[in-house]
Amino acid sequence: MGNDFVRFFYAPFLLLGINGAGIALLAAGASRLWLLALLAVAVAASFTAERLVPYLPEWNEAAGDGGRDTAHAVVNETLVLASVTAIPLLAAVVTVADVWPHGWPFALQVLFAILAADAGITLVHFASHKVGVLWRFHAVHHSVNRFYGFNGLMKHPLHQSVELTAGVAPLLVIGLPVDVAAGLSLAAAVQLLLQHSNADYRVGPLRGVLALNEGHRFHHLKWAGVGDVNFGLFTLIWDRMLGTYSFDPARRFTSADLGMAAKPDYPVGYLAQLAEPFRASGACTAHPEEDVQDLPAAPNRVEQAEAGSG
């Protein structure tokens, strides 16, 4: 009974509870530092849920990646906080017309920012699987071979900066307020925890609308082209428009399905991962004809992807 409670209420706790608390605090004029405390609660809840209702128990076991992933999380979240702090300066330079809907309820302003940012981030994510120079930096994120909450914060800081710019710059142009940006940053961190969680939680029909772990596992399939699905950060709306939505409820995943078939020996250390995109080997060019040879290890993989897309 207790595990069923976690299975069905973990996602609402983060999506509505943590984000809702953050929005309420910001709307009340509280210090934005409170968001750090909420993020800490979200991280603790993530690790707890993964142990109570794991999708795959072995994914809860560290594989020499704990320190590296913590470094990625600390560096990338620090960059996000710095960006939020810099918004007044950035706004003075890039705001073209302050047409931001200041009169809307604060929660609705944050929701608008989330949906708008989702478009820019999703499109850059899509491009990162098509454009070589972007893939060099995005490949860091795809080198993981287990799925758990901190995977979402494991990104090369330069690639995160590109995604952040694509998501936030259009909002800055129309006068994005600092507190709304803070609410957006908390929502993004919470979303990444949920999207890469090893918790076997349930969201019912919303799994076809929200970009959560059930759908995002398909994005981390290691074969060239097969994982080019479900790019959305917050929603799957843009994937449906791009024709890149994919889902098969019968599909099960293991570590053998994750990573990059074209480069199984991708560096695992933090500093090595930061340097890899600048090396000749960092191109990590995928060869679909070679990857197809791996497909018998994943029965019906191609058919499953095609059946779920569109």
C-alpha atoms as a PDB file:
ATOM      1  CA  MET A   1       0.000   0.000   0.000  1.00  0.00           C
ATOM      2  CA  GLY A   2       2.784   2.388   0.926  1.00  0.00           C
ATOM      3  CA  ASN A   3       4.627   1.717  -2.310  1.00  0.00           C
ATOM      4  CA  ASP A   4       1.459   2.274  -4.322  1.00  0.00           C
ATOM      5  CA  PHE A   5       1.108   5.658  -2.630  1.00  0.00           C
ATOM      6  CA  VAL A   6       4.612   6.588  -3.792  1.00  0.00           C
ATOM      7  CA  ARG A   7       3.949   5.218  -7.265  1.00  0.00           C
ATOM      8  CA  PHE A   8       0.905   7.433  -7.815  1.00  0.00           C
ATOM      9  CA  PHE A   9       1.717  10.537  -5.744  1.00  0.00           C
ATOM     10  CA  TYR A  10       5.445  11.031  -6.294  1.00  0.00           C
ATOM     11  CA  ALA A  11       5.041  12.822  -9.634  1.00  0.00           C
ATOM     12  CA  PRO A  12       2.181  15.091  -8.419  1.00  0.00           C
ATOM     13  CA  PHE A  13       4.237  15.908  -5.316  1.00  0.00           C
ATOM     14  CA  LEU A  14       7.060  17.246  -7.466  1.00  0.00           C
ATOM     15  CA  LEU A  15       5.038  18.726 -10.316  1.00  0.00           C
ATOM     16  CA  LEU A  16       2.359  20.379  -8.190  1.00  0.00           C
ATOM     17  CA  GLY A  17       3.783  20.391  -4.660  1.00  0.00           C
ATOM     18  CA  ILE A  18       7.365  21.549  -5.195  1.00  0.00           C
ATOM     19  CA  ASN A  19       6.588  23.817  -8.145  1.00  0.00           C
ATOM     20  CA  GLY A  20       3.459  25.106  -6.441  1.00  0.00           C
ATOM     21  CA  ALA A  21       5.379  25.948  -3.273  1.00  0.00           C
ATOM     22  CA  GLY A  22       8.008  27.757  -5.314  1.00  0.00           C
ATOM     23  CA  ILE A  23       5.391  29.784  -7.171  1.00  0.00           C
ATOM     24  CA  ALA A  24       3.617  30.661  -3.922  1.00  0.00           C
ATOM     25  CA  LEU A  25       6.854  31.809  -2.274  1.00  0.00           C
ATOM     26  CA  LEU A  26       7.884  33.912  -5.257  1.00  0.00           C
ATOM     27  CA  ALA A  27       4.419  35.444  -5.566  1.00  0.00           C
ATOM     28  CA  ALA A  28       4.585  36.381  -1.884  1.00  0.00           C
ATOM     29  CA  GLY A  29       7.906  38.155  -2.388  1.00  0.00           C
ATOM     30  CA  ALA A  30      10.007  35.597  -0.491  1.00  0.00           C
ATOM     31  CA  SER A  31      13.720  35.264  -1.134  1.00  0.00           C
ATOM     32  CA  ARG A  32      14.597  33.218  -4.202  1.00  0.00           C
ATOM     33  CA  LEU A  33      17.023  31.283  -1.994  1.00  0.00           C
ATOM     34  CA  TRP A  34      14.006  29.322  -0.757  1.00  0.00           C
ATOM     35  CA  LEU A  35      13.984  27.667  -4.167  1.00  0.00           C
ATOM     36  CA  LEU A  36      17.273  25.983  -3.298  1.00  0.00           C
ATOM     37  CA  ALA A  37      15.633  24.403  -0.259  1.00  0.00           C
ATOM     38  CA  LEU A  38      12.736  23.205  -2.420  1.00  0.00           C
ATOM     39  CA  LEU A  39      15.161  21.765  -4.951  1.00  0.00           C
ATOM     40  CA  ALA A  40      16.946  19.893  -2.148  1.00  0.00           C
ATOM     41  CA  VAL A  41      13.590  18.433  -1.063  1.00  0.00           C
ATOM     42  CA  ALA A  42      12.895  17.418  -4.672  1.00  0.00           C
ATOM     43  CA  VAL A  43      16.280  15.678  -4.965  1.00  0.00           C
ATOM     44  CA  ALA A  44      15.707  13.834  -1.671  1.00  0.00           C
ATOM     45  CA  ALA A  45      12.234  12.784  -2.810  1.00  0.00           C
ATOM     46  CA  SER A  46      13.676  11.595  -6.117  1.00  0.00           C
ATOM     47  CA  PHE A  47      16.251   9.322  -4.513  1.00  0.00           C
ATOM     48  CA  THR A  48      13.701   8.042  -1.984  1.00  0.00           C
ATOM     49  CA  ALA A  49      11.126   7.170  -4.657  1.00  0.00           C
ATOM     50  CA  GLU A  50      13.770   5.399  -6.733  1.00  0.00           C
ATOM     51  CA  ARG A  51      14.512   3.109  -3.825  1.00  0.00           C
ATOM     52  CA  LEU A  52      10.916   2.458  -2.839  1.00  0.00           C
ATOM     53  CA  VAL A  53       9.521   1.817  -6.329  1.00  0.00           C
ATOM     54  CA  PRO A  54      12.491   1.259  -8.674  1.00  0.00           C
ATOM     55  CA  TYR A  55      11.941   0.629 -12.362  1.00  0.00           C
ATOM     56  CA  LEU A  56      15.168  -1.374 -12.387  1.00  0.00           C
ATOM     57  CA  PRO A  57      16.787  -2.022  -8.961  1.00  0.00           C
ATOM     58  CA  GLU A  58      20.311  -2.224 -10.385  1.00  0.00           C
ATOM     59  CA  TRP A  59      20.028   1.334 -11.672  1.00  0.00           C
ATOM     60  CA  ASN A  60      20.054   2.457  -8.042  1.00  0.00           C
ATOM     61  CA  GLU A  61      23.588   1.136  -7.676  1.00  0.00           C
ATOM     62  CA  ALA A  62      26.313   3.691  -8.359  1.00  0.00           C
ATOM     63  CA  ALA A  63      28.653   2.665 -11.160  1.00  0.00           C
ATOM     64  CA  GLY A  64      31.518   4.998 -10.351  1.00  0.00           C
ATOM     65  CA  ASP A  65      29.437   7.898 -11.627  1.00  0.00           C
ATOM     66  CA  GLY A  66      28.133   9.448  -8.392  1.00  0.00           C
ATOM     67  CA  GLY A  67      30.843  12.066  -7.978  1.00  0.00           C
ATOM     68  CA  ARG A  68      30.818  12.938 -11.669  1.00  0.00           C
ATOM     69  CA  ASP A  69      27.047  13.373 -11.785  1.00  0.00           C
ATOM     70  CA  THR A  70      27.098  15.483  -8.619  1.00  0.00           C
ATOM     71  CA  ALA A  71      29.722  17.729 -10.218  1.00  0.00           C
ATOM     72  CA  HIS A  72      27.565  18.112 -13.333  1.00  0.00           C
ATOM     73  CA  ALA A  73      24.528  18.937 -11.196  1.00  0.00           C
ATOM     74  CA  VAL A  74      26.315  21.516  -9.021  1.00  0.00           C
ATOM     75  CA  VAL A  75      28.017  23.266 -11.939  1.00  0.00           C
ATOM     76  CA  ASN A  76      24.941  23.352 -14.156  1.00  0.00           C
ATOM     77  CA  GLU A  77      22.521  24.480 -11.462  1.00  0.00           C
ATOM     78  CA  THR A  78      24.983  27.175 -10.379  1.00  0.00           C
ATOM     79  CA  LEU A  79      25.055  28.419 -13.975  1.00  0.00           C
ATOM     80  CA  VAL A  80      21.255  28.509 -14.043  1.00  0.00           C
ATOM     81  CA  LEU A  81      21.127  30.507 -10.802  1.00  0.00           C
ATOM     82  CA  ALA A  82      23.744  32.901 -12.134  1.00  0.00           C
ATOM     83  CA  SER A  83      21.687  33.355 -15.292  1.00  0.00           C
ATOM     84  CA  VAL A  84      18.573  34.164 -13.272  1.00  0.00           C
ATOM     85  CA  THR A  85      20.531  36.707 -11.232  1.00  0.00           C
ATOM     86  CA  ALA A  86      21.830  38.305 -14.427  1.00  0.00           C
ATOM     87  CA  ILE A  87      18.381  38.745 -15.970  1.00  0.00           C
ATOM     88  CA  PRO A  88      17.990  42.445 -15.003  1.00  0.00           C
ATOM     89  CA  LEU A  89      21.237  43.208 -16.831  1.00  0.00           C
ATOM     90  CA  LEU A  90      20.327  41.030 -19.799  1.00  0.00           C
ATOM     91  CA  ALA A  91      16.853  42.515 -20.015  1.00  0.00           C
ATOM     92  CA  ALA A  92      18.317  45.997 -20.263  1.00  0.00           C
ATOM     93  CA  VAL A  93      20.152  44.883 -23.377  1.00  0.00           C
ATOM     94  CA  VAL A  94      17.819  42.476 -25.175  1.00  0.00           C
ATOM     95  CA  THR A  95      14.281  43.522 -24.223  1.00  0.00           C
ATOM     96  CA  VAL A  96      12.737  44.881 -27.404  1.00  0.00           C
ATOM     97  CA  ALA A  97       9.277  45.626 -26.039  1.00  0.00           C
ATOM     98  CA  ASP A  98       8.044  44.957 -22.514  1.00  0.00           C
ATOM     99  CA  VAL A  99       4.789  43.300 -23.446  1.00  0.00           C
ATOM    100  CA  TRP A 100       5.024  40.705 -20.718  1.00  0.00           C
ATOM    101  CA  PRO A 101       1.553  39.905 -19.265  1.00  0.00           C
ATOM    102  CA  HIS A 102       2.312  41.378 -15.827  1.00  0.00           C
ATOM    103  CA  GLY A 103      -1.397  41.528 -15.040  1.00  0.00           C
ATOM    104  CA  TRP A 104      -1.846  37.765 -15.220  1.00  0.00           C
ATOM    105  CA  PRO A 105      -1.844  35.688 -12.019  1.00  0.00           C
ATOM    106  CA  PHE A 106       1.751  34.835 -11.175  1.00  0.00           C
ATOM    107  CA  ALA A 107       1.184  31.080 -11.586  1.00  0.00           C
ATOM    108  CA  LEU A 108      -0.162  31.644 -15.084  1.00  0.00           C
ATOM    109  CA  GLN A 109       2.886  33.762 -15.963  1.00  0.00           C
ATOM    110  CA  VAL A 110       5.177  30.893 -14.921  1.00  0.00           C
ATOM    111  CA  LEU A 111       3.099  28.396 -16.898  1.00  0.00           C
ATOM    112  CA  PHE A 112       3.322  30.638 -19.971  1.00  0.00           C
ATOM    113  CA  ALA A 113       7.110  30.842 -19.532  1.00  0.00           C
ATOM    114  CA  ILE A 114       7.325  27.038 -19.210  1.00  0.00           C
ATOM    115  CA  LEU A 115       5.365  26.408 -22.415  1.00  0.00           C
ATOM    116  CA  ALA A 116       7.289  29.038 -24.370  1.00  0.00           C
ATOM    117  CA  ALA A 117      10.676  27.825 -23.139  1.00  0.00           C
ATOM    118  CA  ASP A 118       9.666  24.253 -23.920  1.00  0.00           C
ATOM    119  CA  ALA A 119       9.458  25.138 -27.599  1.00  0.00           C
ATOM    120  CA  GLY A 120      12.938  26.657 -27.835  1.00  0.00           C
ATOM    121  CA  ILE A 121      14.629  23.971 -25.731  1.00  0.00           C
ATOM    122  CA  THR A 122      12.923  21.132 -27.611  1.00  0.00           C
ATOM    123  CA  LEU A 123      13.931  22.513 -30.996  1.00  0.00           C
ATOM    124  CA  VAL A 124      17.573  22.913 -29.924  1.00  0.00           C
ATOM    125  CA  HIS A 125      17.477  19.395 -28.505  1.00  0.00           C
ATOM    126  CA  PHE A 126      16.146  18.148 -31.852  1.00  0.00           C
ATOM    127  CA  ALA A 127      18.869  20.047 -33.709  1.00  0.00           C
ATOM    128  CA  SER A 128      21.504  18.608 -31.373  1.00  0.00           C
ATOM    129  CA  HIS A 129      20.823  15.174 -32.854  1.00  0.00           C
ATOM    130  CA  LYS A 130      21.160  16.504 -36.409  1.00  0.00           C
ATOM    131  CA  VAL A 131      23.973  19.086 -36.298  1.00  0.00           C
ATOM    132  CA  GLY A 132      27.458  17.727 -35.688  1.00  0.00           C
ATOM    133  CA  VAL A 133      28.864  20.555 -33.603  1.00  0.00           C
ATOM    134  CA  LEU A 134      25.863  20.488 -31.282  1.00  0.00           C
ATOM    135  CA  TRP A 135      25.974  16.691 -31.007  1.00  0.00           C
ATOM    136  CA  ARG A 136      29.598  16.852 -29.835  1.00  0.00           C
ATOM    137  CA  PHE A 137      28.439  18.618 -26.672  1.00  0.00           C
ATOM    138  CA  HIS A 138      25.099  16.858 -26.304  1.00  0.00           C
ATOM    139  CA  ALA A 139      26.766  13.438 -26.493  1.00  0.00           C
ATOM    140  CA  VAL A 140      27.896  13.882 -22.884  1.00  0.00           C
ATOM    141  CA  HIS A 141      24.284  13.509 -21.803  1.00  0.00           C
ATOM    142  CA  HIS A 142      23.791  10.384 -23.901  1.00  0.00           C
ATOM    143  CA  SER A 143      26.811   8.549 -22.529  1.00  0.00           C
ATOM    144  CA  VAL A 144      24.888   7.330 -19.460  1.00  0.00           C
ATOM    145  CA  ASN A 145      24.169   3.611 -19.069  1.00  0.00           C
ATOM    146  CA  ARG A 146      21.739   3.801 -16.180  1.00  0.00           C
ATOM    147  CA  PHE A 147      18.643   5.925 -15.731  1.00  0.00           C
ATOM    148  CA  TYR A 148      18.212   7.873 -12.488  1.00  0.00           C
ATOM    149  CA  GLY A 149      17.275  11.372 -11.389  1.00  0.00           C
ATOM    150  CA  PHE A 150      20.678  13.036 -11.634  1.00  0.00           C
ATOM    151  CA  ASN A 151      21.048  11.993 -15.294  1.00  0.00           C
ATOM    152  CA  GLY A 152      18.904  14.955 -16.223  1.00  0.00           C
ATOM    153  CA  LEU A 153      21.421  17.389 -14.754  1.00  0.00           C
ATOM    154  CA  MET A 154      24.348  15.629 -16.447  1.00  0.00           C
ATOM    155  CA  LYS A 155      25.010  17.948 -19.368  1.00  0.00           C
ATOM    156  CA  HIS A 156      27.994  19.707 -20.832  1.00  0.00           C
ATOM    157  CA  PRO A 157      27.694  23.276 -19.511  1.00  0.00           C
ATOM    158  CA  LEU A 158      28.146  24.750 -22.994  1.00  0.00           C
ATOM    159  CA  HIS A 159      25.285  22.687 -24.383  1.00  0.00           C
ATOM    160  CA  GLN A 160      23.097  23.590 -21.428  1.00  0.00           C
ATOM    161  CA  SER A 161      23.883  27.250 -22.133  1.00  0.00           C
ATOM    162  CA  VAL A 162      22.741  26.866 -25.741  1.00  0.00           C
ATOM    163  CA  GLU A 163      19.488  25.208 -24.655  1.00  0.00           C
ATOM    164  CA  LEU A 164      18.937  27.817 -21.949  1.00  0.00           C
ATOM    165  CA  THR A 165      19.482  30.644 -24.420  1.00  0.00           C
ATOM    166  CA  ALA A 166      17.027  29.139 -26.899  1.00  0.00           C
ATOM    167  CA  GLY A 167      14.407  28.760 -24.202  1.00  0.00           C
ATOM    168  CA  VAL A 168      14.805  32.055 -22.386  1.00  0.00           C
ATOM    169  CA  ALA A 169      16.013  34.597 -24.984  1.00  0.00           C
ATOM    170  CA  PRO A 170      12.584  34.965 -26.669  1.00  0.00           C
ATOM    171  CA  LEU A 171      11.071  35.576 -23.234  1.00  0.00           C
ATOM    172  CA  LEU A 172      13.693  38.192 -22.384  1.00  0.00           C
ATOM    173  CA  VAL A 173      12.851  40.015 -25.602  1.00  0.00           C
ATOM    174  CA  ILE A 174       9.317  40.602 -24.300  1.00  0.00           C
ATOM    175  CA  GLY A 175      10.300  41.510 -20.725  1.00  0.00           C
ATOM    176  CA  LEU A 176      10.624  38.289 -18.701  1.00  0.00           C
ATOM    177  CA  PRO A 177      10.520  39.194 -14.959  1.00  0.00           C
ATOM    178  CA  VAL A 178      13.231  37.778 -12.687  1.00  0.00           C
ATOM    179  CA  ASP A 179      10.822  35.974 -10.368  1.00  0.00           C
ATOM    180  CA  VAL A 180       9.101  34.264 -13.291  1.00  0.00           C
ATOM    181  CA  ALA A 181      12.502  33.151 -14.552  1.00  0.00           C
ATOM    182  CA  ALA A 182      13.259  31.765 -11.090  1.00  0.00           C
ATOM    183  CA  GLY A 183      10.003  29.796 -11.134  1.00  0.00           C
ATOM    184  CA  LEU A 184      10.889  28.504 -14.599  1.00  0.00           C
ATOM    185  CA  SER A 185      14.350  27.382 -13.452  1.00  0.00           C
ATOM    186  CA  LEU A 186      12.886  25.430 -10.527  1.00  0.00           C
ATOM    187  CA  ALA A 187      10.330  23.794 -12.829  1.00  0.00           C
ATOM    188  CA  ALA A 188      13.095  22.774 -15.249  1.00  0.00           C
ATOM    189  CA  ALA A 189      15.181  21.191 -12.483  1.00  0.00           C
ATOM    190  CA  VAL A 190      12.155  19.304 -11.149  1.00  0.00           C
ATOM    191  CA  GLN A 191      11.260  18.169 -14.664  1.00  0.00           C
ATOM    192  CA  LEU A 192      14.762  16.796 -15.285  1.00  0.00           C
ATOM    193  CA  LEU A 193      14.599  14.805 -12.043  1.00  0.00           C
ATOM    194  CA  LEU A 194      11.271  13.290 -13.071  1.00  0.00           C
ATOM    195  CA  GLN A 195      12.229  12.785 -16.699  1.00  0.00           C
ATOM    196  CA  HIS A 196      15.278  10.653 -15.881  1.00  0.00           C
ATOM    197  CA  SER A 197      13.962   9.042 -12.703  1.00  0.00           C
ATOM    198  CA  ASN A 198      14.420   5.349 -11.980  1.00  0.00           C
ATOM    199  CA  ALA A 199      11.159   5.453 -10.017  1.00  0.00           C
ATOM    200  CA  ASP A 200       8.379   3.368 -11.557  1.00  0.00           C
ATOM    201  CA  TYR A 201       5.743   6.041 -10.993  1.00  0.00           C
ATOM    202  CA  ARG A 202       2.387   6.410 -12.754  1.00  0.00           C
ATOM    203  CA  VAL A 203       0.766   9.417 -14.436  1.00  0.00           C
ATOM    204  CA  GLY A 204      -1.898   7.657 -16.496  1.00  0.00           C
ATOM    205  CA  PRO A 205      -2.872   9.267 -19.828  1.00  0.00           C
ATOM    206  CA  LEU A 206      -0.603  12.233 -19.067  1.00  0.00           C
ATOM    207  CA  ARG A 207       2.359  10.113 -20.137  1.00  0.00           C
ATOM    208  CA  GLY A 208       1.360  10.958 -23.712  1.00  0.00           C
ATOM    209  CA  VAL A 209       1.400  14.699 -22.985  1.00  0.00           C
ATOM    210  CA  LEU A 210       4.114  15.320 -20.402  1.00  0.00           C
ATOM    211  CA  ALA A 211       7.770  14.553 -21.135  1.00  0.00           C
ATOM    212  CA  LEU A 212       8.357  12.141 -18.246  1.00  0.00           C
ATOM    213  CA  ASN A 213      10.488   9.044 -17.742  1.00  0.00           C
ATOM    214  CA  GLU A 214       8.248   6.462 -19.447  1.00  0.00           C
ATOM    215  CA  GLY A 215       8.612   8.235 -22.773  1.00  0.00           C
ATOM    216  CA  HIS A 216      12.082   9.671 -22.285  1.00  0.00           C
ATOM    217  CA  ARG A 217      13.684   6.239 -21.914  1.00  0.00           C
ATOM    218  CA  PHE A 218      13.052   5.774 -25.643  1.00  0.00           C
ATOM    219  CA  HIS A 219      15.136   8.884 -26.288  1.00  0.00           C
ATOM    220  CA  HIS A 220      18.148   7.265 -24.612  1.00  0.00           C
ATOM    221  CA  LEU A 221      18.157   4.107 -26.723  1.00  0.00           C
ATOM    222  CA  LYS A 222      21.717   3.764 -27.974  1.00  0.00           C
ATOM    223  CA  TRP A 223      21.246   2.953 -31.649  1.00  0.00           C
ATOM    224  CA  ALA A 224      21.775   5.708 -34.215  1.00  0.00           C
ATOM    225  CA  GLY A 225      18.471   7.213 -35.287  1.00  0.00           C
ATOM    226  CA  VAL A 226      16.373   4.944 -33.060  1.00  0.00           C
ATOM    227  CA  GLY A 227      16.754   7.274 -30.087  1.00  0.00           C
ATOM    228  CA  ASP A 228      15.874  10.379 -32.101  1.00  0.00           C
ATOM    229  CA  VAL A 229      12.446  10.594 -30.474  1.00  0.00           C
ATOM    230  CA  ASN A 230      10.716  12.336 -27.557  1.00  0.00           C
ATOM    231  CA  PHE A 231      12.901  15.452 -27.451  1.00  0.00           C
ATOM    232  CA  GLY A 232      10.587  17.557 -25.280  1.00  0.00           C
ATOM    233  CA  LEU A 233      11.675  18.883 -21.901  1.00  0.00           C
ATOM    234  CA  PHE A 234       8.284  19.729 -20.387  1.00  0.00           C
ATOM    235  CA  THR A 235       5.792  18.366 -22.900  1.00  0.00           C
ATOM    236  CA  LEU A 236       5.535  16.074 -25.915  1.00  0.00           C
ATOM    237  CA  ILE A 237       3.509  18.613 -27.896  1.00  0.00           C
ATOM    238  CA  TRP A 238       6.390  19.568 -30.161  1.00  0.00           C
ATOM    239  CA  ASP A 239       7.358  15.930 -30.706  1.00  0.00           C
ATOM    240  CA  ARG A 240       3.872  15.215 -31.969  1.00  0.00           C
ATOM    241  CA  MET A 241       4.165  18.168 -34.340  1.00  0.00           C
ATOM    242  CA  LEU A 242       7.650  17.079 -35.497  1.00  0.00           C
ATOM    243  CA  GLY A 243       6.568  13.461 -35.878  1.00  0.00           C
ATOM    244  CA  THR A 244       9.154  12.347 -33.313  1.00  0.00           C
ATOM    245  CA  TYR A 245       6.813  11.056 -30.613  1.00  0.00           C
ATOM    246  CA  SER A 246       7.344   7.374 -29.817  1.00  0.00           C
ATOM    247  CA  PHE A 247       6.001   5.047 -27.147  1.00  0.00           C
ATOM    248  CA  ASP A 248       5.446   1.338 -26.642  1.00  0.00           C
ATOM    249  CA  PRO A 249       3.990   0.324 -23.248  1.00  0.00           C
ATOM    250  CA  ALA A 250       5.354  -3.219 -23.624  1.00  0.00           C
ATOM    251  CA  ARG A 251       8.974  -2.097 -24.048  1.00  0.00           C
ATOM    252  CA  ARG A 252      11.327  -2.791 -21.130  1.00  0.00           C
ATOM    253  CA  PHE A 253      14.781  -1.250 -20.772  1.00  0.00           C
ATOM    254  CA  THR A 254      18.117  -2.337 -19.325  1.00  0.00           C
ATOM    255  CA  SER A 255      21.580  -0.777 -19.299  1.00  0.00           C
ATOM    256  CA  ALA A 256      22.353  -2.749 -22.470  1.00  0.00           C
ATOM    257  CA  ASP A 257      19.892  -0.476 -24.308  1.00  0.00           C
ATOM    258  CA  LEU A 258      21.402   2.829 -23.166  1.00  0.00           C
ATOM    259  CA  GLY A 259      24.435   4.893 -24.107  1.00  0.00           C
ATOM    260  CA  MET A 260      25.865   5.236 -27.622  1.00  0.00           C
ATOM    261  CA  ALA A 261      26.411   2.157 -29.763  1.00  0.00           C
ATOM    262  CA  ALA A 262      28.800   4.145 -31.955  1.00  0.00           C
ATOM    263  CA  LYS A 263      30.975   5.082 -28.984  1.00  0.00           C
ATOM    264  CA  PRO A 264      30.603   2.683 -26.051  1.00  0.00           C
ATOM    265  CA  ASP A 265      33.916   3.847 -24.573  1.00  0.00           C
ATOM    266  CA  TYR A 266      32.860   7.486 -24.083  1.00  0.00           C
ATOM    267  CA  PRO A 267      34.885   9.073 -21.221  1.00  0.00           C
ATOM    268  CA  VAL A 268      33.294   8.682 -17.799  1.00  0.00           C
ATOM    269  CA  GLY A 269      35.216  11.250 -15.737  1.00  0.00           C
ATOM    270  CA  TYR A 270      33.858  14.768 -15.275  1.00  0.00           C
ATOM    271  CA  LEU A 271      36.854  16.685 -16.634  1.00  0.00           C
ATOM    272  CA  ALA A 272      37.310  14.172 -19.436  1.00  0.00           C
ATOM    273  CA  GLN A 273      33.689  14.695 -20.468  1.00  0.00           C
ATOM    274  CA  LEU A 274      34.153  18.457 -20.501  1.00  0.00           C
ATOM    275  CA  ALA A 275      37.174  18.052 -22.781  1.00  0.00           C
ATOM    276  CA  GLU A 276      35.850  15.342 -25.104  1.00  0.00           C
ATOM    277  CA  PRO A 277      33.824  17.626 -27.443  1.00  0.00           C
ATOM    278  CA  PHE A 278      37.037  19.507 -28.262  1.00  0.00           C
ATOM    279  CA  ARG A 279      38.943  16.348 -29.230  1.00  0.00           C
ATOM    280  CA  ALA A 280      38.972  14.815 -32.689  1.00  0.00           C
ATOM    281  CA  SER A 281      37.262  11.751 -31.210  1.00  0.00           C
ATOM    282  CA  GLY A 282      34.503  13.942 -29.816  1.00  0.00           C
ATOM    283  CA  ALA A 283      32.676  13.975 -33.142  1.00  0.00           C
ATOM    284  CA  CYS A 284      31.331  10.550 -32.180  1.00  0.00           C
ATOM    285  CA  THR A 285      30.017  10.043 -35.701  1.00  0.00           C
ATOM    286  CA  ALA A 286      27.245   7.462 -35.683  1.00  0.00           C
ATOM    287  CA  HIS A 287      27.180   4.758 -38.330  1.00  0.00           C
ATOM    288  CA  PRO A 288      23.629   3.398 -38.601  1.00  0.00           C
ATOM    289  CA  GLU A 289      24.723   0.418 -40.655  1.00  0.00           C
ATOM    290  CA  GLU A 290      27.013  -0.654 -37.811  1.00  0.00           C
ATOM    291  CA  ASP A 291      24.439   0.049 -35.128  1.00  0.00           C
ATOM    292  CA  VAL A 292      21.867  -2.143 -36.879  1.00  0.00           C
ATOM    293  CA  GLN A 293      24.086  -5.112 -36.156  1.00  0.00           C
ATOM    294  CA  ASP A 294      23.354  -4.572 -32.457  1.00  0.00           C
ATOM    295  CA  LEU A 295      19.589  -4.641 -32.896  1.00  0.00           C
ATOM    296  CA  PRO A 296      19.065  -8.409 -32.348  1.00  0.00           C
ATOM    297  CA  ALA A 297      19.925  -7.698 -28.687  1.00  0.00           C
ATOM    298  CA  ALA A 298      16.781  -5.535 -28.620  1.00  0.00           C
ATOM    299  CA  PRO A 299      14.013  -7.606 -30.268  1.00  0.00           C
ATOM    300  CA  ASN A 300      11.610  -5.684 -32.495  1.00  0.00           C
ATOM    301  CA  ARG A 301      13.289  -2.411 -31.607  1.00  0.00           C
ATOM    302  CA  VAL A 302      12.755  -0.804 -35.011  1.00  0.00           C
ATOM    303  CA  GLU A 303       9.146  -1.957 -35.270  1.00  0.00           C
ATOM    304  CA  GLN A 304       8.402  -0.648 -31.768  1.00  0.00           C
ATOM    305  CA  ALA A 305       9.782   2.787 -32.577  1.00  0.00           C
ATOM    306  CA  GLU A 306       7.865   3.042 -35.827  1.00  0.00           C
ATOM    307  CA  ALA A 307       4.634   1.807 -34.265  1.00  0.00           C
ATOM    308  CA  GLY A 308       4.815   4.449 -31.567  1.00  0.00           C
ATOM    309  CA  SER A 309       5.780   7.425 -33.702  1.00  0.00           C
ATOM    310  CA  GLY A 310       3.555  10.006 -35.301  1.00  0.00           C
END
